[in-house]
Amino acid sequence: SGEADVVVTDGFTGNVCLKLAEGMVSMLFDELRGAARSSVRA
């Protein structure tokens, strides 16, 4: 959100958060790509 410049956590939690974010970004763009090909208007 930009509310902090440094966010601290333990390595287990941080790694899970980071990989979840990477997976969400990948899934989001896959979904957008699929939706954009679903019709002529899309």
Full PDB file with SEQRES, HELIX, SHEET, SSBOND, CRYST1, ORIGX, SCALE, CONECT and MASTER records, all heavy atoms in Angstrom:
SEQRES   1 A   42  SER GLY GLU ALA ASP VAL VAL VAL THR ASP GLY PHE THR          
SEQRES   2 A   42  GLY ASN VAL CYS LEU LYS LEU ALA GLU GLY MET VAL SER          
SEQRES   3 A   42  MET LEU PHE ASP GLU LEU ARG GLY ALA ALA ARG SER SER          
SEQRES   4 A   42  VAL ARG ALA                                                  
HELIX    1 AA1 GLY A   11  ALA A   36  1                                  26    
CRYST1    1.000    1.000    1.000  90.00  90.00  90.00 P 1           1          
ORIGX1      1.000000  0.000000  0.000000        0.00000                         
ORIGX2      0.000000  1.000000  0.000000        0.00000                         
ORIGX3      0.000000  0.000000  1.000000        0.00000                         
SCALE1      1.000000  0.000000  0.000000        0.00000                         
SCALE2      0.000000  1.000000  0.000000        0.00000                         
SCALE3      0.000000  0.000000  1.000000        0.00000                         
ATOM      1  N   SER A   1       0.802  -1.229   0.000  1.00  0.00           N  
ATOM      2  CA  SER A   1       0.000   0.000   0.000  1.00  0.00           C  
ATOM      3  C   SER A   1       0.835   1.279   0.000  1.00  0.00           C  
ATOM      4  O   SER A   1       0.312   2.362  -0.247  1.00  0.00           O  
ATOM      5  CB  SER A   1      -0.915   0.009   1.229  1.00  0.00           C  
ATOM      6  OG  SER A   1      -0.133   0.107   2.424  1.00  0.00           O  
ATOM      7  N   GLY A   2       2.127   1.163   0.304  1.00  0.00           N  
ATOM      8  CA  GLY A   2       2.965   2.353   0.400  1.00  0.00           C  
ATOM      9  C   GLY A   2       2.938   3.004   1.771  1.00  0.00           C  
ATOM     10  O   GLY A   2       3.474   4.099   1.950  1.00  0.00           O  
ATOM     11  N   GLU A   3       2.350   2.319   2.759  1.00  0.00           N  
ATOM     12  CA  GLU A   3       2.269   2.878   4.112  1.00  0.00           C  
ATOM     13  C   GLU A   3       3.586   2.746   4.873  1.00  0.00           C  
ATOM     14  O   GLU A   3       3.751   3.349   5.931  1.00  0.00           O  
ATOM     15  CB  GLU A   3       1.152   2.195   4.896  1.00  0.00           C  
ATOM     16  CG  GLU A   3      -0.228   2.436   4.317  1.00  0.00           C  
ATOM     17  CD  GLU A   3      -1.316   1.684   5.058  1.00  0.00           C  
ATOM     18  OE1 GLU A   3      -1.155   1.438   6.278  1.00  0.00           O  
ATOM     19  OE2 GLU A   3      -2.328   1.324   4.427  1.00  0.00           O  
ATOM     20  N   ALA A   4       4.494   1.931   4.382  1.00  0.00           N  
ATOM     21  CA  ALA A   4       5.807   1.749   5.017  1.00  0.00           C  
ATOM     22  C   ALA A   4       6.857   1.564   3.938  1.00  0.00           C  
ATOM     23  O   ALA A   4       6.554   1.164   2.806  1.00  0.00           O  
ATOM     24  CB  ALA A   4       5.786   0.548   5.956  1.00  0.00           C  
ATOM     25  N   ASP A   5       8.099   1.880   4.285  1.00  0.00           N  
ATOM     26  CA  ASP A   5       9.221   1.702   3.365  1.00  0.00           C  
ATOM     27  C   ASP A   5       9.954   0.395   3.627  1.00  0.00           C  
ATOM     28  O   ASP A   5      10.598  -0.147   2.742  1.00  0.00           O  
ATOM     29  CB  ASP A   5      10.204   2.877   3.507  1.00  0.00           C  
ATOM     30  CG  ASP A   5       9.532   4.215   3.278  1.00  0.00           C  
ATOM     31  OD1 ASP A   5       8.999   4.416   2.178  1.00  0.00           O  
ATOM     32  OD2 ASP A   5       9.535   5.040   4.210  1.00  0.00           O  
ATOM     33  N   VAL A   6       9.863  -0.092   4.859  1.00  0.00           N  
ATOM     34  CA  VAL A   6      10.483  -1.356   5.264  1.00  0.00           C  
ATOM     35  C   VAL A   6       9.450  -2.137   6.063  1.00  0.00           C  
ATOM     36  O   VAL A   6       8.839  -1.603   6.993  1.00  0.00           O  
ATOM     37  CB  VAL A   6      11.731  -1.123   6.141  1.00  0.00           C  
ATOM     38  CG1 VAL A   6      12.333  -2.455   6.586  1.00  0.00           C  
ATOM     39  CG2 VAL A   6      12.769  -0.290   5.405  1.00  0.00           C  
ATOM     40  N   VAL A   7       9.223  -3.398   5.683  1.00  0.00           N  
ATOM     41  CA  VAL A   7       8.302  -4.258   6.425  1.00  0.00           C  
ATOM     42  C   VAL A   7       9.075  -5.488   6.879  1.00  0.00           C  
ATOM     43  O   VAL A   7       9.723  -6.162   6.081  1.00  0.00           O  
ATOM     44  CB  VAL A   7       7.088  -4.678   5.577  1.00  0.00           C  
ATOM     45  CG1 VAL A   7       6.167  -5.584   6.387  1.00  0.00           C  
ATOM     46  CG2 VAL A   7       6.324  -3.448   5.089  1.00  0.00           C  
ATOM     47  N   VAL A   8       8.992  -5.771   8.183  1.00  0.00           N  
ATOM     48  CA  VAL A   8       9.806  -6.817   8.802  1.00  0.00           C  
ATOM     49  C   VAL A   8       8.946  -8.003   9.203  1.00  0.00           C  
ATOM     50  O   VAL A   8       7.837  -7.840   9.729  1.00  0.00           O  
ATOM     51  CB  VAL A   8      10.537  -6.255  10.042  1.00  0.00           C  
ATOM     52  CG1 VAL A   8      11.327  -7.342  10.747  1.00  0.00           C  
ATOM     53  CG2 VAL A   8      11.460  -5.105   9.639  1.00  0.00           C  
ATOM     54  N   THR A   9       9.479  -9.209   8.965  1.00  0.00           N  
ATOM     55  CA  THR A   9       8.848 -10.442   9.424  1.00  0.00           C  
ATOM     56  C   THR A   9       9.907 -11.535   9.496  1.00  0.00           C  
ATOM     57  O   THR A   9      11.074 -11.299   9.154  1.00  0.00           O  
ATOM     58  CB  THR A   9       7.695 -10.847   8.493  1.00  0.00           C  
ATOM     59  OG1 THR A   9       6.973 -11.940   9.082  1.00  0.00           O  
ATOM     60  CG2 THR A   9       8.209 -11.288   7.133  1.00  0.00           C  
ATOM     61  N   ASP A  10       9.517 -12.737   9.939  1.00  0.00           N  
ATOM     62  CA  ASP A  10      10.459 -13.854   9.952  1.00  0.00           C  
ATOM     63  C   ASP A  10      10.541 -14.464   8.557  1.00  0.00           C  
ATOM     64  O   ASP A  10       9.662 -14.251   7.707  1.00  0.00           O  
ATOM     65  CB  ASP A  10      10.005 -14.913  10.961  1.00  0.00           C  
ATOM     66  CG  ASP A  10       8.651 -15.505  10.597  1.00  0.00           C  
ATOM     67  OD1 ASP A  10       7.624 -14.895  10.973  1.00  0.00           O  
ATOM     68  OD2 ASP A  10       8.620 -16.549   9.925  1.00  0.00           O  
ATOM     69  N   GLY A  11      11.588 -15.240   8.306  1.00  0.00           N  
ATOM     70  CA  GLY A  11      11.846 -15.761   6.969  1.00  0.00           C  
ATOM     71  C   GLY A  11      10.804 -16.736   6.465  1.00  0.00           C  
ATOM     72  O   GLY A  11      10.551 -16.800   5.256  1.00  0.00           O  
ATOM     73  N   PHE A  12      10.177 -17.495   7.347  1.00  0.00           N  
ATOM     74  CA  PHE A  12       9.141 -18.433   6.927  1.00  0.00           C  
ATOM     75  C   PHE A  12       7.925 -17.679   6.411  1.00  0.00           C  
ATOM     76  O   PHE A  12       7.439 -17.915   5.304  1.00  0.00           O  
ATOM     77  CB  PHE A  12       8.745 -19.340   8.098  1.00  0.00           C  
ATOM     78  CG  PHE A  12       7.683 -20.349   7.748  1.00  0.00           C  
ATOM     79  CD1 PHE A  12       8.017 -21.586   7.217  1.00  0.00           C  
ATOM     80  CD2 PHE A  12       6.338 -20.056   7.944  1.00  0.00           C  
ATOM     81  CE1 PHE A  12       7.046 -22.512   6.884  1.00  0.00           C  
ATOM     82  CE2 PHE A  12       5.357 -20.975   7.610  1.00  0.00           C  
ATOM     83  CZ  PHE A  12       5.714 -22.206   7.084  1.00  0.00           C  
ATOM     84  N   THR A  13       7.439 -16.738   7.215  1.00  0.00           N  
ATOM     85  CA  THR A  13       6.274 -15.951   6.822  1.00  0.00           C  
ATOM     86  C   THR A  13       6.561 -15.129   5.576  1.00  0.00           C  
ATOM     87  O   THR A  13       5.748 -15.056   4.658  1.00  0.00           O  
ATOM     88  CB  THR A  13       5.856 -15.014   7.966  1.00  0.00           C  
ATOM     89  OG1 THR A  13       5.638 -15.779   9.147  1.00  0.00           O  
ATOM     90  CG2 THR A  13       4.593 -14.250   7.616  1.00  0.00           C  
ATOM     91  N   GLY A  14       7.751 -14.524   5.539  1.00  0.00           N  
ATOM     92  CA  GLY A  14       8.111 -13.680   4.404  1.00  0.00           C  
ATOM     93  C   GLY A  14       8.189 -14.456   3.109  1.00  0.00           C  
ATOM     94  O   GLY A  14       7.746 -13.980   2.050  1.00  0.00           O  
ATOM     95  N   ASN A  15       8.756 -15.655   3.159  1.00  0.00           N  
ATOM     96  CA  ASN A  15       8.874 -16.464   1.954  1.00  0.00           C  
ATOM     97  C   ASN A  15       7.506 -16.904   1.446  1.00  0.00           C  
ATOM     98  O   ASN A  15       7.241 -16.878   0.233  1.00  0.00           O  
ATOM     99  CB  ASN A  15       9.760 -17.684   2.224  1.00  0.00           C  
ATOM    100  CG  ASN A  15      10.144 -18.412   0.964  1.00  0.00           C  
ATOM    101  OD1 ASN A  15       9.471 -19.346   0.551  1.00  0.00           O  
ATOM    102  ND2 ASN A  15      11.221 -17.978   0.335  1.00  0.00           N  
ATOM    103  N   VAL A  16       6.618 -17.294   2.366  1.00  0.00           N  
ATOM    104  CA  VAL A  16       5.267 -17.683   1.966  1.00  0.00           C  
ATOM    105  C   VAL A  16       4.537 -16.505   1.327  1.00  0.00           C  
ATOM    106  O   VAL A  16       3.896 -16.644   0.277  1.00  0.00           O  
ATOM    107  CB  VAL A  16       4.478 -18.214   3.179  1.00  0.00           C  
ATOM    108  CG1 VAL A  16       3.004 -18.395   2.822  1.00  0.00           C  
ATOM    109  CG2 VAL A  16       5.058 -19.525   3.669  1.00  0.00           C  
ATOM    110  N   CYS A  17       4.641 -15.315   1.943  1.00  0.00           N  
ATOM    111  CA  CYS A  17       3.986 -14.115   1.401  1.00  0.00           C  
ATOM    112  C   CYS A  17       4.510 -13.784   0.010  1.00  0.00           C  
ATOM    113  O   CYS A  17       3.737 -13.471  -0.909  1.00  0.00           O  
ATOM    114  CB  CYS A  17       4.212 -12.924   2.328  1.00  0.00           C  
ATOM    115  SG  CYS A  17       3.290 -12.966   3.859  1.00  0.00           S  
ATOM    116  N   LEU A  18       5.819 -13.847  -0.150  1.00  0.00           N  
ATOM    117  CA  LEU A  18       6.436 -13.489  -1.426  1.00  0.00           C  
ATOM    118  C   LEU A  18       5.991 -14.436  -2.537  1.00  0.00           C  
ATOM    119  O   LEU A  18       5.617 -14.000  -3.630  1.00  0.00           O  
ATOM    120  CB  LEU A  18       7.958 -13.505  -1.290  1.00  0.00           C  
ATOM    121  CG  LEU A  18       8.757 -13.080  -2.525  1.00  0.00           C  
ATOM    122  CD1 LEU A  18       8.490 -11.619  -2.853  1.00  0.00           C  
ATOM    123  CD2 LEU A  18      10.247 -13.306  -2.297  1.00  0.00           C  
ATOM    124  N   LYS A  19       6.008 -15.736  -2.255  1.00  0.00           N  
ATOM    125  CA  LYS A  19       5.629 -16.700  -3.289  1.00  0.00           C  
ATOM    126  C   LYS A  19       4.129 -16.680  -3.560  1.00  0.00           C  
ATOM    127  O   LYS A  19       3.696 -16.933  -4.695  1.00  0.00           O  
ATOM    128  CB  LYS A  19       6.115 -18.090  -2.894  1.00  0.00           C  
ATOM    129  CG  LYS A  19       7.632 -18.192  -2.990  1.00  0.00           C  
ATOM    130  CD  LYS A  19       8.182 -19.543  -2.612  1.00  0.00           C  
ATOM    131  CE  LYS A  19       9.693 -19.562  -2.794  1.00  0.00           C  
ATOM    132  NZ  LYS A  19      10.308 -20.817  -2.333  1.00  0.00           N  
ATOM    133  N   LEU A  20       3.335 -16.362  -2.547  1.00  0.00           N  
ATOM    134  CA  LEU A  20       1.904 -16.192  -2.769  1.00  0.00           C  
ATOM    135  C   LEU A  20       1.658 -15.008  -3.701  1.00  0.00           C  
ATOM    136  O   LEU A  20       0.839 -15.085  -4.626  1.00  0.00           O  
ATOM    137  CB  LEU A  20       1.177 -15.974  -1.440  1.00  0.00           C  
ATOM    138  CG  LEU A  20      -0.315 -15.651  -1.534  1.00  0.00           C  
ATOM    139  CD1 LEU A  20      -1.070 -16.802  -2.171  1.00  0.00           C  
ATOM    140  CD2 LEU A  20      -0.883 -15.323  -0.155  1.00  0.00           C  
ATOM    141  N   ALA A  21       2.380 -13.907  -3.467  1.00  0.00           N  
ATOM    142  CA  ALA A  21       2.223 -12.731  -4.313  1.00  0.00           C  
ATOM    143  C   ALA A  21       2.620 -13.032  -5.757  1.00  0.00           C  
ATOM    144  O   ALA A  21       1.939 -12.630  -6.705  1.00  0.00           O  
ATOM    145  CB  ALA A  21       3.056 -11.575  -3.760  1.00  0.00           C  
ATOM    146  N   GLU A  22       3.739 -13.758  -5.928  1.00  0.00           N  
ATOM    147  CA  GLU A  22       4.178 -14.128  -7.274  1.00  0.00           C  
ATOM    148  C   GLU A  22       3.129 -14.981  -7.970  1.00  0.00           C  
ATOM    149  O   GLU A  22       2.822 -14.779  -9.152  1.00  0.00           O  
ATOM    150  CB  GLU A  22       5.507 -14.898  -7.203  1.00  0.00           C  
ATOM    151  CG  GLU A  22       6.701 -14.053  -6.827  1.00  0.00           C  
ATOM    152  CD  GLU A  22       7.972 -14.888  -6.708  1.00  0.00           C  
ATOM    153  OE1 GLU A  22       7.888 -16.130  -6.852  1.00  0.00           O  
ATOM    154  OE2 GLU A  22       9.040 -14.313  -6.464  1.00  0.00           O  
ATOM    155  N   GLY A  23       2.551 -15.944  -7.233  1.00  0.00           N  
ATOM    156  CA  GLY A  23       1.526 -16.804  -7.804  1.00  0.00           C  
ATOM    157  C   GLY A  23       0.259 -16.044  -8.158  1.00  0.00           C  
ATOM    158  O   GLY A  23      -0.363 -16.302  -9.206  1.00  0.00           O  
ATOM    159  N   MET A  24      -0.122 -15.088  -7.307  1.00  0.00           N  
ATOM    160  CA  MET A  24      -1.321 -14.297  -7.574  1.00  0.00           C  
ATOM    161  C   MET A  24      -1.150 -13.430  -8.818  1.00  0.00           C  
ATOM    162  O   MET A  24      -2.068 -13.296  -9.628  1.00  0.00           O  
ATOM    163  CB  MET A  24      -1.637 -13.418  -6.357  1.00  0.00           C  
ATOM    164  CG  MET A  24      -2.176 -14.177  -5.168  1.00  0.00           C  
ATOM    165  SD  MET A  24      -3.789 -14.938  -5.489  1.00  0.00           S  
ATOM    166  CE  MET A  24      -4.815 -13.480  -5.631  1.00  0.00           C  
ATOM    167  N   VAL A  25       0.021 -12.821  -8.960  1.00  0.00           N  
ATOM    168  CA  VAL A  25       0.286 -11.994 -10.142  1.00  0.00           C  
ATOM    169  C   VAL A  25       0.212 -12.838 -11.402  1.00  0.00           C  
ATOM    170  O   VAL A  25      -0.407 -12.452 -12.402  1.00  0.00           O  
ATOM    171  CB  VAL A  25       1.671 -11.311 -10.029  1.00  0.00           C  
ATOM    172  CG1 VAL A  25       2.063 -10.674 -11.363  1.00  0.00           C  
ATOM    173  CG2 VAL A  25       1.655 -10.263  -8.926  1.00  0.00           C  
ATOM    174  N   SER A  26       0.839 -14.016 -11.374  1.00  0.00           N  
ATOM    175  CA  SER A  26       0.821 -14.908 -12.527  1.00  0.00           C  
ATOM    176  C   SER A  26      -0.595 -15.341 -12.867  1.00  0.00           C  
ATOM    177  O   SER A  26      -1.006 -15.329 -14.044  1.00  0.00           O  
ATOM    178  CB  SER A  26       1.694 -16.125 -12.240  1.00  0.00           C  
ATOM    179  OG  SER A  26       1.686 -17.028 -13.328  1.00  0.00           O  
ATOM    180  N   MET A  27      -1.381 -15.717 -11.844  1.00  0.00           N  
ATOM    181  CA  MET A  27      -2.749 -16.145 -12.069  1.00  0.00           C  
ATOM    182  C   MET A  27      -3.602 -15.009 -12.615  1.00  0.00           C  
ATOM    183  O   MET A  27      -4.417 -15.188 -13.529  1.00  0.00           O  
ATOM    184  CB  MET A  27      -3.360 -16.661 -10.775  1.00  0.00           C  
ATOM    185  CG  MET A  27      -4.750 -17.245 -10.945  1.00  0.00           C  
ATOM    186  SD  MET A  27      -5.681 -17.330  -9.393  1.00  0.00           S  
ATOM    187  CE  MET A  27      -6.081 -15.606  -9.135  1.00  0.00           C  
ATOM    188  N   LEU A  28      -3.428 -13.810 -12.069  1.00  0.00           N  
ATOM    189  CA  LEU A  28      -4.205 -12.650 -12.496  1.00  0.00           C  
ATOM    190  C   LEU A  28      -4.022 -12.384 -13.986  1.00  0.00           C  
ATOM    191  O   LEU A  28      -5.001 -12.195 -14.724  1.00  0.00           O  
ATOM    192  CB  LEU A  28      -3.794 -11.421 -11.679  1.00  0.00           C  
ATOM    193  CG  LEU A  28      -4.390 -10.082 -12.119  1.00  0.00           C  
ATOM    194  CD1 LEU A  28      -5.909 -10.105 -11.975  1.00  0.00           C  
ATOM    195  CD2 LEU A  28      -3.792  -8.932 -11.309  1.00  0.00           C  
ATOM    196  N   PHE A  29      -2.778 -12.391 -14.441  1.00  0.00           N  
ATOM    197  CA  PHE A  29      -2.532 -12.098 -15.846  1.00  0.00           C  
ATOM    198  C   PHE A  29      -2.957 -13.256 -16.752  1.00  0.00           C  
ATOM    199  O   PHE A  29      -3.371 -13.029 -17.895  1.00  0.00           O  
ATOM    200  CB  PHE A  29      -1.071 -11.722 -16.063  1.00  0.00           C  
ATOM    201  CG  PHE A  29      -0.790 -10.288 -15.721  1.00  0.00           C  
ATOM    202  CD1 PHE A  29      -0.323  -9.941 -14.463  1.00  0.00           C  
ATOM    203  CD2 PHE A  29      -1.017  -9.282 -16.639  1.00  0.00           C  
ATOM    204  CE1 PHE A  29      -0.090  -8.623 -14.133  1.00  0.00           C  
ATOM    205  CE2 PHE A  29      -0.791  -7.962 -16.320  1.00  0.00           C  
ATOM    206  CZ  PHE A  29      -0.324  -7.616 -15.065  1.00  0.00           C  
ATOM    207  N   ASP A  30      -2.890 -14.471 -16.243  1.00  0.00           N  
ATOM    208  CA  ASP A  30      -3.428 -15.598 -17.011  1.00  0.00           C  
ATOM    209  C   ASP A  30      -4.937 -15.456 -17.183  1.00  0.00           C  
ATOM    210  O   ASP A  30      -5.482 -15.715 -18.273  1.00  0.00           O  
ATOM    211  CB  ASP A  30      -3.104 -16.920 -16.310  1.00  0.00           C  
ATOM    212  CG  ASP A  30      -1.648 -17.323 -16.464  1.00  0.00           C  
ATOM    213  OD1 ASP A  30      -0.959 -16.751 -17.340  1.00  0.00           O  
ATOM    214  OD2 ASP A  30      -1.195 -18.192 -15.695  1.00  0.00           O  
ATOM    215  N   GLU A  31      -5.619 -15.045 -16.113  1.00  0.00           N  
ATOM    216  CA  GLU A  31      -7.063 -14.854 -16.185  1.00  0.00           C  
ATOM    217  C   GLU A  31      -7.414 -13.718 -17.132  1.00  0.00           C  
ATOM    218  O   GLU A  31      -8.369 -13.805 -17.916  1.00  0.00           O  
ATOM    219  CB  GLU A  31      -7.623 -14.569 -14.786  1.00  0.00           C  
ATOM    220  CG  GLU A  31      -7.609 -15.753 -13.843  1.00  0.00           C  
ATOM    221  CD  GLU A  31      -8.603 -16.819 -14.254  1.00  0.00           C  
ATOM    222  OE1 GLU A  31      -9.714 -16.466 -14.686  1.00  0.00           O  
ATOM    223  OE2 GLU A  31      -8.262 -18.015 -14.160  1.00  0.00           O  
ATOM    224  N   LEU A  32      -6.671 -12.621 -17.066  1.00  0.00           N  
ATOM    225  CA  LEU A  32      -6.926 -11.489 -17.955  1.00  0.00           C  
ATOM    226  C   LEU A  32      -6.694 -11.878 -19.413  1.00  0.00           C  
ATOM    227  O   LEU A  32      -7.451 -11.479 -20.302  1.00  0.00           O  
ATOM    228  CB  LEU A  32      -6.015 -10.311 -17.577  1.00  0.00           C  
ATOM    229  CG  LEU A  32      -6.353  -9.572 -16.279  1.00  0.00           C  
ATOM    230  CD1 LEU A  32      -5.253  -8.573 -15.942  1.00  0.00           C  
ATOM    231  CD2 LEU A  32      -7.700  -8.856 -16.407  1.00  0.00           C  
ATOM    232  N   ARG A  33      -5.646 -12.665 -19.645  1.00  0.00           N  
ATOM    233  CA  ARG A  33      -5.346 -13.105 -21.003  1.00  0.00           C  
ATOM    234  C   ARG A  33      -6.480 -13.975 -21.541  1.00  0.00           C  
ATOM    235  O   ARG A  33      -6.910 -13.826 -22.689  1.00  0.00           O  
ATOM    236  CB  ARG A  33      -4.024 -13.874 -21.026  1.00  0.00           C  
ATOM    237  CG  ARG A  33      -3.525 -14.195 -22.429  1.00  0.00           C  
ATOM    238  CD  ARG A  33      -2.222 -14.971 -22.383  1.00  0.00           C  
ATOM    239  NE  ARG A  33      -1.148 -14.201 -21.766  1.00  0.00           N  
ATOM    240  CZ  ARG A  33      -0.626 -14.456 -20.579  1.00  0.00           C  
ATOM    241  NH1 ARG A  33      -1.078 -15.484 -19.860  1.00  0.00           N  
ATOM    242  NH2 ARG A  33       0.341 -13.723 -20.093  1.00  0.00           N  
ATOM    243  N   GLY A  34      -6.979 -14.881 -20.703  1.00  0.00           N  
ATOM    244  CA  GLY A  34      -8.078 -15.734 -21.122  1.00  0.00           C  
ATOM    245  C   GLY A  34      -9.352 -14.957 -21.385  1.00  0.00           C  
ATOM    246  O   GLY A  34     -10.064 -15.203 -22.368  1.00  0.00           O  
ATOM    247  N   ALA A  35      -9.640 -13.983 -20.492  1.00  0.00           N  
ATOM    248  CA  ALA A  35     -10.839 -13.167 -20.659  1.00  0.00           C  
ATOM    249  C   ALA A  35     -10.761 -12.313 -21.919  1.00  0.00           C  
ATOM    250  O   ALA A  35     -11.769 -12.101 -22.610  1.00  0.00           O  
ATOM    251  CB  ALA A  35     -11.033 -12.275 -19.432  1.00  0.00           C  
ATOM    252  N   ALA A  36      -9.567 -11.814 -22.229  1.00  0.00           N  
ATOM    253  CA  ALA A  36      -9.389 -10.949 -23.400  1.00  0.00           C  
ATOM    254  C   ALA A  36      -9.574 -11.699 -24.714  1.00  0.00           C  
ATOM    255  O   ALA A  36      -9.782 -11.087 -25.762  1.00  0.00           O  
ATOM    256  CB  ALA A  36      -8.014 -10.301 -23.366  1.00  0.00           C  
ATOM    257  N   ARG A  37      -9.518 -13.030 -24.673  1.00  0.00           N  
ATOM    258  CA  ARG A  37      -9.670 -13.838 -25.884  1.00  0.00           C  
ATOM    259  C   ARG A  37     -11.036 -14.508 -25.970  1.00  0.00           C  
ATOM    260  O   ARG A  37     -11.283 -15.305 -26.867  1.00  0.00           O  
ATOM    261  CB  ARG A  37      -8.579 -14.917 -25.924  1.00  0.00           C  
ATOM    262  CG  ARG A  37      -7.163 -14.362 -26.033  1.00  0.00           C  
ATOM    263  CD  ARG A  37      -6.137 -15.464 -25.820  1.00  0.00           C  
ATOM    264  NE  ARG A  37      -4.769 -14.972 -25.968  1.00  0.00           N  
ATOM    265  CZ  ARG A  37      -3.682 -15.670 -25.630  1.00  0.00           C  
ATOM    266  NH1 ARG A  37      -3.810 -16.887 -25.123  1.00  0.00           N  
ATOM    267  NH2 ARG A  37      -2.472 -15.149 -25.787  1.00  0.00           N  
ATOM    268  N   SER A  38     -11.912 -14.185 -25.026  1.00  0.00           N  
ATOM    269  CA  SER A  38     -13.174 -14.911 -24.915  1.00  0.00           C  
ATOM    270  C   SER A  38     -14.223 -14.500 -25.936  1.00  0.00           C  
ATOM    271  O   SER A  38     -15.172 -15.255 -26.184  1.00  0.00           O  
ATOM    272  CB  SER A  38     -13.739 -14.746 -23.501  1.00  0.00           C  
ATOM    273  OG  SER A  38     -13.999 -13.375 -23.237  1.00  0.00           O  
ATOM    274  N   SER A  39     -14.103 -13.323 -26.529  1.00  0.00           N  
ATOM    275  CA  SER A  39     -15.070 -12.861 -27.526  1.00  0.00           C  
ATOM    276  C   SER A  39     -14.435 -11.780 -28.391  1.00  0.00           C  
ATOM    277  O   SER A  39     -13.353 -11.273 -28.076  1.00  0.00           O  
ATOM    278  CB  SER A  39     -16.321 -12.300 -26.844  1.00  0.00           C  
ATOM    279  OG  SER A  39     -15.999 -11.109 -26.130  1.00  0.00           O  
ATOM    280  N   VAL A  40     -15.134 -11.426 -29.478  1.00  0.00           N  
ATOM    281  CA  VAL A  40     -14.620 -10.368 -30.356  1.00  0.00           C  
ATOM    282  C   VAL A  40     -14.536  -9.048 -29.598  1.00  0.00           C  
ATOM    283  O   VAL A  40     -13.558  -8.310 -29.696  1.00  0.00           O  
ATOM    284  CB  VAL A  40     -15.526 -10.222 -31.605  1.00  0.00           C  
ATOM    285  CG1 VAL A  40     -15.083  -9.018 -32.441  1.00  0.00           C  
ATOM    286  CG2 VAL A  40     -15.486 -11.496 -32.439  1.00  0.00           C  
ATOM    287  N   ARG A  41     -15.581  -8.734 -28.839  1.00  0.00           N  
ATOM    288  CA  ARG A  41     -15.578  -7.490 -28.053  1.00  0.00           C  
ATOM    289  C   ARG A  41     -14.433  -7.485 -27.039  1.00  0.00           C  
ATOM    290  O   ARG A  41     -13.761  -6.476 -26.857  1.00  0.00           O  
ATOM    291  CB  ARG A  41     -16.915  -7.338 -27.330  1.00  0.00           C  
ATOM    292  CG  ARG A  41     -16.980  -6.081 -26.459  1.00  0.00           C  
ATOM    293  CD  ARG A  41     -18.332  -5.963 -25.782  1.00  0.00           C  
ATOM    294  NE  ARG A  41     -19.385  -5.725 -26.754  1.00  0.00           N  
ATOM    295  CZ  ARG A  41     -20.670  -5.557 -26.409  1.00  0.00           C  
ATOM    296  NH1 ARG A  41     -21.034  -5.619 -25.131  1.00  0.00           N  
ATOM    297  NH2 ARG A  41     -21.574  -5.345 -27.341  1.00  0.00           N  
ATOM    298  N   ALA A  42     -14.220  -8.633 -26.380  1.00  0.00           N  
ATOM    299  CA  ALA A  42     -13.141  -8.723 -25.398  1.00  0.00           C  
ATOM    300  C   ALA A  42     -11.777  -8.548 -26.064  1.00  0.00           C  
ATOM    301  O   ALA A  42     -10.876  -7.915 -25.499  1.00  0.00           O  
ATOM    302  CB  ALA A  42     -13.195 -10.061 -24.672  1.00  0.00           C  
TER     303      ALA A  42                                                      
MASTER        0    0    0    1    0    0    0    6  302    1    0    4          
END                                                                             
